[in-house]
Amino acid sequence: MKRLFALALSLALASAAFAQAPQPPEIGAKSFLLLDLTSNQTLAERDADAPADPASLTKLMTAYLAFAAIHDSKLTL
């Protein structure tokens, strides 16, 4: 009985190790990249290397940091 249980347990663990990750949902983005930062593993991606314009928030934060550096005399116009 113990051997049968051990065999069933090892088969269950082996099949779990070979289980595939679930398919990512379809989204409306042209490109995306989803990473697991703890293991540095790519979980899902679509055209991750395609060039793309920065988002508006990125532009605003760049301007904010540039003007903050000018205010702190780290940069000059």
N, C-alpha and C. Protein backbone atom coordinates (compact mmCIF):
# COMPACT_ATOMS: atom_id res chain seq x y z
N MET A 1 0.82 -1.19 0.00
CA MET A 1 0.00 0.00 0.00
C MET A 1 0.86 1.26 0.00
N LYS A 2 1.97 1.22 0.78
CA LYS A 2 2.86 2.38 0.84
C LYS A 2 3.52 2.62 -0.52
N ARG A 3 3.89 1.54 -1.20
CA ARG A 3 4.52 1.68 -2.52
C ARG A 3 3.54 2.27 -3.53
N LEU A 4 2.32 1.83 -3.47
CA LEU A 4 1.30 2.36 -4.37
C LEU A 4 1.08 3.85 -4.13
N PHE A 5 1.03 4.24 -2.87
CA PHE A 5 0.87 5.65 -2.52
C PHE A 5 2.08 6.46 -3.00
N ALA A 6 3.29 5.93 -2.79
CA ALA A 6 4.50 6.62 -3.22
C ALA A 6 4.53 6.76 -4.74
N LEU A 7 4.12 5.74 -5.44
CA LEU A 7 4.08 5.79 -6.90
C LEU A 7 3.06 6.83 -7.37
N ALA A 8 1.89 6.83 -6.77
CA ALA A 8 0.87 7.80 -7.15
C ALA A 8 1.32 9.23 -6.85
N LEU A 9 1.97 9.42 -5.73
CA LEU A 9 2.46 10.75 -5.37
C LEU A 9 3.54 11.21 -6.34
N SER A 10 4.48 10.34 -6.68
CA SER A 10 5.55 10.75 -7.60
C SER A 10 5.00 11.00 -9.00
N LEU A 11 4.00 10.25 -9.43
CA LEU A 11 3.38 10.53 -10.73
C LEU A 11 2.65 11.87 -10.72
N ALA A 12 1.98 12.17 -9.63
CA ALA A 12 1.28 13.45 -9.53
C ALA A 12 2.26 14.61 -9.55
N LEU A 13 3.37 14.48 -8.84
CA LEU A 13 4.38 15.55 -8.82
C LEU A 13 5.05 15.70 -10.17
N ALA A 14 5.32 14.59 -10.84
CA ALA A 14 5.96 14.64 -12.15
C ALA A 14 5.04 15.30 -13.18
N SER A 15 3.77 14.99 -13.13
CA SER A 15 2.84 15.59 -14.09
C SER A 15 2.66 17.08 -13.79
N ALA A 16 2.73 17.48 -12.53
CA ALA A 16 2.62 18.90 -12.19
C ALA A 16 3.84 19.67 -12.68
N ALA A 17 5.00 19.02 -12.70
CA ALA A 17 6.22 19.68 -13.15
C ALA A 17 6.17 19.96 -14.65
N PHE A 18 5.48 19.12 -15.40
CA PHE A 18 5.39 19.30 -16.84
C PHE A 18 4.14 20.07 -17.27
N ALA A 19 3.37 20.57 -16.33
CA ALA A 19 2.17 21.33 -16.67
C ALA A 19 2.56 22.64 -17.35
N GLN A 20 1.82 23.00 -18.37
CA GLN A 20 2.10 24.24 -19.09
C GLN A 20 1.43 25.41 -18.39
N ALA A 21 2.02 26.57 -18.56
CA ALA A 21 1.44 27.79 -18.01
C ALA A 21 0.14 28.09 -18.77
N PRO A 22 -0.82 28.69 -18.11
CA PRO A 22 -2.07 29.03 -18.80
C PRO A 22 -1.82 30.08 -19.88
N GLN A 23 -2.64 30.04 -20.90
CA GLN A 23 -2.51 31.00 -21.99
C GLN A 23 -2.90 32.40 -21.51
N PRO A 24 -2.15 33.43 -21.90
CA PRO A 24 -2.51 34.79 -21.49
C PRO A 24 -3.80 35.23 -22.18
N PRO A 25 -4.56 36.10 -21.54
CA PRO A 25 -5.80 36.58 -22.17
C PRO A 25 -5.49 37.50 -23.35
N GLU A 26 -6.39 37.57 -24.28
CA GLU A 26 -6.23 38.48 -25.41
C GLU A 26 -6.55 39.89 -24.94
N ILE A 27 -5.63 40.81 -25.21
CA ILE A 27 -5.84 42.21 -24.85
C ILE A 27 -5.67 43.07 -26.07
N GLY A 28 -6.10 44.31 -26.00
CA GLY A 28 -6.08 45.21 -27.15
C GLY A 28 -4.75 45.89 -27.41
N ALA A 29 -3.72 45.60 -26.63
CA ALA A 29 -2.42 46.25 -26.81
C ALA A 29 -1.71 45.71 -28.04
N LYS A 30 -0.98 46.60 -28.73
CA LYS A 30 -0.20 46.16 -29.89
C LYS A 30 0.98 45.30 -29.47
N SER A 31 1.57 45.65 -28.33
CA SER A 31 2.69 44.88 -27.82
C SER A 31 2.68 44.94 -26.30
N PHE A 32 3.21 43.89 -25.68
CA PHE A 32 3.30 43.86 -24.23
C PHE A 32 4.35 42.85 -23.80
N LEU A 33 4.76 42.96 -22.53
CA LEU A 33 5.72 42.04 -21.94
C LEU A 33 5.33 41.86 -20.48
N LEU A 34 5.13 40.61 -20.07
CA LEU A 34 4.77 40.29 -18.69
C LEU A 34 5.88 39.43 -18.11
N LEU A 35 6.55 39.94 -17.05
CA LEU A 35 7.68 39.26 -16.44
C LEU A 35 7.37 38.85 -15.02
N ASP A 36 7.94 37.73 -14.61
CA ASP A 36 7.97 37.34 -13.20
C ASP A 36 9.31 37.81 -12.68
N LEU A 37 9.32 38.89 -11.89
CA LEU A 37 10.56 39.50 -11.46
C LEU A 37 11.31 38.66 -10.42
N THR A 38 10.63 37.75 -9.76
CA THR A 38 11.34 36.90 -8.79
C THR A 38 12.20 35.85 -9.48
N SER A 39 11.76 35.37 -10.64
CA SER A 39 12.52 34.34 -11.35
C SER A 39 13.10 34.85 -12.67
N ASN A 40 12.86 36.12 -13.01
CA ASN A 40 13.30 36.70 -14.29
C ASN A 40 12.82 35.89 -15.48
N GLN A 41 11.61 35.36 -15.37
CA GLN A 41 11.03 34.53 -16.44
C GLN A 41 9.97 35.33 -17.17
N THR A 42 9.98 35.25 -18.49
CA THR A 42 8.95 35.89 -19.30
C THR A 42 7.70 35.01 -19.26
N LEU A 43 6.61 35.58 -18.76
CA LEU A 43 5.36 34.83 -18.66
C LEU A 43 4.53 34.94 -19.93
N ALA A 44 4.52 36.12 -20.53
CA ALA A 44 3.78 36.32 -21.78
C ALA A 44 4.36 37.54 -22.49
N GLU A 45 4.28 37.52 -23.81
CA GLU A 45 4.74 38.68 -24.58
C GLU A 45 4.12 38.66 -25.97
N ARG A 46 3.98 39.84 -26.52
CA ARG A 46 3.56 39.98 -27.92
C ARG A 46 4.36 41.14 -28.49
N ASP A 47 5.16 40.89 -29.49
CA ASP A 47 6.00 41.90 -30.15
C ASP A 47 6.73 42.77 -29.13
N ALA A 48 7.36 42.14 -28.16
CA ALA A 48 8.02 42.88 -27.08
C ALA A 48 9.17 43.74 -27.56
N ASP A 49 9.79 43.39 -28.69
CA ASP A 49 10.93 44.15 -29.19
C ASP A 49 10.54 45.20 -30.22
N ALA A 50 9.27 45.34 -30.50
CA ALA A 50 8.82 46.32 -31.49
C ALA A 50 8.99 47.74 -30.95
N PRO A 51 9.51 48.67 -31.76
CA PRO A 51 9.64 50.04 -31.28
C PRO A 51 8.26 50.66 -31.04
N ALA A 52 8.16 51.47 -29.99
CA ALA A 52 6.89 52.10 -29.65
C ALA A 52 7.16 53.48 -29.07
N ASP A 53 6.24 54.40 -29.32
CA ASP A 53 6.36 55.73 -28.75
C ASP A 53 6.08 55.66 -27.26
N PRO A 54 6.77 56.52 -26.48
CA PRO A 54 6.50 56.51 -25.04
C PRO A 54 5.10 57.01 -24.73
N ALA A 55 4.54 56.53 -23.67
CA ALA A 55 3.20 56.94 -23.25
C ALA A 55 3.24 58.37 -22.71
N SER A 56 2.09 58.99 -22.61
CA SER A 56 2.01 60.37 -22.15
C SER A 56 2.55 60.53 -20.74
N LEU A 57 2.30 59.57 -19.86
CA LEU A 57 2.80 59.67 -18.49
C LEU A 57 4.32 59.67 -18.48
N THR A 58 4.93 58.89 -19.38
CA THR A 58 6.39 58.88 -19.47
C THR A 58 6.90 60.24 -19.87
N LYS A 59 6.25 60.89 -20.82
CA LYS A 59 6.67 62.22 -21.25
C LYS A 59 6.52 63.23 -20.12
N LEU A 60 5.42 63.15 -19.38
CA LEU A 60 5.20 64.08 -18.27
C LEU A 60 6.24 63.87 -17.17
N MET A 61 6.56 62.63 -16.84
CA MET A 61 7.54 62.37 -15.79
C MET A 61 8.94 62.82 -16.23
N THR A 62 9.27 62.66 -17.51
CA THR A 62 10.55 63.13 -18.01
C THR A 62 10.65 64.64 -17.87
N ALA A 63 9.58 65.35 -18.25
CA ALA A 63 9.56 66.81 -18.11
C ALA A 63 9.65 67.21 -16.64
N TYR A 64 8.93 66.52 -15.77
CA TYR A 64 8.96 66.81 -14.33
C TYR A 64 10.37 66.67 -13.78
N LEU A 65 11.03 65.56 -14.11
CA LEU A 65 12.39 65.34 -13.61
C LEU A 65 13.37 66.35 -14.19
N ALA A 66 13.21 66.72 -15.46
CA ALA A 66 14.10 67.71 -16.06
C ALA A 66 13.93 69.07 -15.39
N PHE A 67 12.67 69.51 -15.17
CA PHE A 67 12.45 70.80 -14.52
C PHE A 67 12.86 70.77 -13.05
N ALA A 68 12.73 69.65 -12.38
CA ALA A 68 13.20 69.53 -11.00
C ALA A 68 14.72 69.65 -10.95
N ALA A 69 15.41 69.04 -11.90
CA ALA A 69 16.87 69.14 -11.96
C ALA A 69 17.30 70.56 -12.27
N ILE A 70 16.57 71.28 -13.13
CA ILE A 70 16.87 72.69 -13.41
C ILE A 70 16.67 73.52 -12.15
N HIS A 71 15.58 73.28 -11.44
CA HIS A 71 15.28 74.00 -10.20
C HIS A 71 16.36 73.77 -9.15
N ASP A 72 16.91 72.54 -9.08
CA ASP A 72 17.94 72.20 -8.10
C ASP A 72 19.35 72.54 -8.60
N SER A 73 19.43 73.24 -9.71
CA SER A 73 20.71 73.67 -10.34
C SER A 73 21.60 72.48 -10.73
N LYS A 74 20.99 71.33 -10.99
CA LYS A 74 21.74 70.18 -11.50
C LYS A 74 21.85 70.24 -13.02
N LEU A 75 20.93 70.95 -13.66
CA LEU A 75 20.91 71.18 -15.11
C LEU A 75 20.68 72.65 -15.36
N THR A 76 21.06 73.09 -16.53
CA THR A 76 20.75 74.46 -16.96
C THR A 76 20.05 74.39 -18.32
N LEU A 77 19.26 75.41 -18.59
CA LEU A 77 18.59 75.45 -19.90
C LEU A 77 19.62 75.67 -20.98
